[in-house]
Amino acid sequence: MVHSDRSCIHLCCAICLNYSGVFLMSRLEYYQRPLVAFDVQDKDHRAFFHEFMLTKTWGRCPVRFICPDEHGPEGLVGIVMRQLVAYYARQEFGDEPKTEGLKVPTHKPRRPKSIEIDLKVLAKSVVDKEEELL
């Protein structure tokens, strides 16, 4: 946006011209928090996200995290959560899958016995009532 008055510096403008025609940033642009991409390796970034999770606001965060377009509608919080899960899983288990030696269930889990007994009692009472009606 170019103004007819070359000495114009407005707070509403992103860029204005000074006396010599050099582009200047507005005060809002100058004082805003810097834009950074979330880096899961950076301890400060993880701390900023932890504070967001506790307070549900980015108000105290000294930076603004950017959200790349290739992640679609997931949003910043979803992207960061996914990166944190991958980071901590890699930290705990490494890069190699460790499925050897894990117990895998081989049968379908049974219902607790108390439920089976209740169902038998209920079925018996229904049969008894039907017999009374006949």
Protein backbone atom coordinates (compact mmCIF):
# COMPACT_ATOMS: atom_id res chain seq x y z
CA MET A 1 0.00 0.00 0.00
CA VAL A 2 1.58 3.28 -1.08
CA HIS A 3 0.33 6.56 0.32
CA SER A 4 0.36 9.88 -1.48
CA ASP A 5 2.05 11.40 1.57
CA ARG A 6 5.56 9.90 1.47
CA SER A 7 6.17 10.65 5.17
CA CYS A 8 3.29 8.43 6.26
CA ILE A 9 3.83 5.89 9.05
CA HIS A 10 0.54 4.41 10.24
CA LEU A 11 0.04 1.63 12.74
CA CYS A 12 -2.54 0.04 10.44
CA CYS A 13 -0.10 -0.32 7.54
CA ALA A 14 2.21 -3.27 7.19
CA ILE A 15 4.65 -1.21 5.13
CA CYS A 16 4.90 2.54 4.69
CA LEU A 17 7.36 4.82 2.94
CA ASN A 18 9.54 7.28 4.83
CA TYR A 19 10.95 10.57 3.49
CA SER A 20 13.55 8.98 1.25
CA GLY A 21 11.17 6.37 -0.22
CA VAL A 22 12.62 3.46 1.77
CA PHE A 23 10.15 0.86 2.97
CA LEU A 24 9.69 0.69 6.74
CA MET A 25 7.83 -1.87 8.79
CA SER A 26 5.03 -0.62 10.98
CA ARG A 27 5.30 -0.67 14.75
CA LEU A 28 2.89 -3.62 14.96
CA GLU A 29 5.08 -5.61 12.60
CA TYR A 30 8.20 -4.60 14.53
CA TYR A 31 6.89 -5.50 18.00
CA GLN A 32 5.06 -8.73 17.18
CA ARG A 33 6.40 -12.06 18.37
CA PRO A 34 8.75 -13.81 15.94
CA LEU A 35 7.39 -16.61 13.75
CA VAL A 36 9.12 -19.96 14.22
CA ALA A 37 8.47 -23.53 13.14
CA PHE A 38 7.92 -25.90 16.06
CA ASP A 39 11.06 -27.96 16.67
CA VAL A 40 10.38 -31.00 18.84
CA GLN A 41 14.11 -31.23 19.67
CA ASP A 42 14.08 -27.74 21.23
CA LYS A 43 13.39 -27.93 24.96
CA ASP A 44 12.03 -24.36 25.01
CA HIS A 45 9.48 -25.16 22.30
CA ARG A 46 8.29 -28.20 24.27
CA ALA A 47 8.03 -26.02 27.39
CA PHE A 48 6.00 -23.38 25.50
CA PHE A 49 3.60 -26.09 24.29
CA HIS A 50 3.33 -27.53 27.82
CA GLU A 51 2.35 -24.09 29.11
CA PHE A 52 -0.25 -23.84 26.33
CA MET A 53 -1.71 -27.21 27.36
CA LEU A 54 -2.02 -26.00 30.97
CA THR A 55 -3.39 -22.51 30.28
CA LYS A 56 -5.19 -23.10 26.93
CA THR A 57 -3.76 -19.82 25.59
CA TRP A 58 -0.70 -18.74 23.65
CA GLY A 59 -0.75 -15.33 25.38
CA ARG A 60 2.48 -15.81 27.36
CA CYS A 61 4.38 -17.59 24.60
CA PRO A 62 7.26 -15.37 23.37
CA VAL A 63 7.08 -16.81 19.83
CA ARG A 64 4.36 -17.63 17.31
CA PHE A 65 4.51 -21.13 15.88
CA ILE A 66 3.72 -21.46 12.20
CA CYS A 67 1.66 -24.29 10.76
CA PRO A 68 2.82 -25.59 7.35
CA ASP A 69 0.07 -25.97 4.74
CA GLU A 70 1.00 -29.55 3.85
CA HIS A 71 -0.51 -30.79 7.12
CA GLY A 72 -4.02 -29.87 6.03
CA PRO A 73 -6.82 -29.09 8.48
CA GLU A 74 -5.08 -30.78 11.42
CA GLY A 75 -3.98 -27.47 12.92
CA LEU A 76 -0.98 -26.51 15.00
CA VAL A 77 -1.98 -28.39 18.16
CA GLY A 78 -2.54 -31.64 16.27
CA ILE A 79 0.77 -31.32 14.43
CA VAL A 80 2.69 -30.63 17.66
CA MET A 81 0.96 -33.51 19.47
CA ARG A 82 1.86 -35.92 16.66
CA GLN A 83 5.48 -34.72 16.67
CA LEU A 84 5.71 -35.05 20.46
CA VAL A 85 4.33 -38.60 20.42
CA ALA A 86 6.86 -39.59 17.74
CA TYR A 87 9.68 -37.86 19.65
CA TYR A 88 8.97 -39.55 22.98
CA ALA A 89 8.32 -42.95 21.37
CA ARG A 90 11.66 -42.70 19.54
CA GLN A 91 13.32 -41.60 22.77
CA GLU A 92 11.94 -44.57 24.71
CA PHE A 93 12.06 -47.33 22.08
CA GLY A 94 14.55 -46.12 19.47
CA ASP A 95 14.06 -46.34 15.72
CA GLU A 96 13.87 -50.14 15.48
CA PRO A 97 10.53 -51.89 16.12
CA LYS A 98 10.69 -54.03 19.25
CA THR A 99 7.89 -56.56 18.98
CA GLU A 100 9.91 -59.69 19.72
CA GLY A 101 9.14 -61.18 23.10
CA LEU A 102 5.91 -59.25 23.57
CA LYS A 103 2.91 -61.28 24.73
CA VAL A 104 0.21 -61.32 22.11
CA PRO A 105 -3.27 -62.47 23.16
CA THR A 106 -4.19 -65.67 21.33
CA HIS A 107 -7.82 -65.92 22.36
CA LYS A 108 -10.81 -63.67 22.67
CA PRO A 109 -11.08 -62.29 26.20
CA ARG A 110 -13.96 -63.82 28.17
CA ARG A 111 -16.59 -61.87 29.99
CA PRO A 112 -16.26 -61.83 33.77
CA LYS A 113 -18.02 -64.75 35.49
CA SER A 114 -20.34 -62.46 37.42
CA ILE A 115 -21.87 -61.24 34.15
CA GLU A 116 -22.34 -64.82 32.90
CA ILE A 117 -24.09 -65.79 36.15
CA ASP A 118 -26.35 -62.72 35.96
CA LEU A 119 -27.28 -63.58 32.36
CA LYS A 120 -28.10 -67.18 33.31
CA VAL A 121 -30.30 -66.04 36.21
CA LEU A 122 -32.03 -63.51 33.98
CA ALA A 123 -32.64 -66.12 31.24
CA LYS A 124 -34.01 -68.60 33.79
CA SER A 125 -36.40 -66.00 35.22
CA VAL A 126 -37.68 -65.16 31.71
CA VAL A 127 -38.26 -68.87 30.96
CA ASP A 128 -40.08 -69.29 34.30
CA LYS A 129 -42.36 -66.34 33.59
CA GLU A 130 -43.16 -67.68 30.11
CA GLU A 131 -44.08 -71.06 31.61
CA GLU A 132 -46.39 -69.39 34.15
CA LEU A 133 -48.21 -67.54 31.38
CA LEU A 134 -48.81 -70.75 29.42
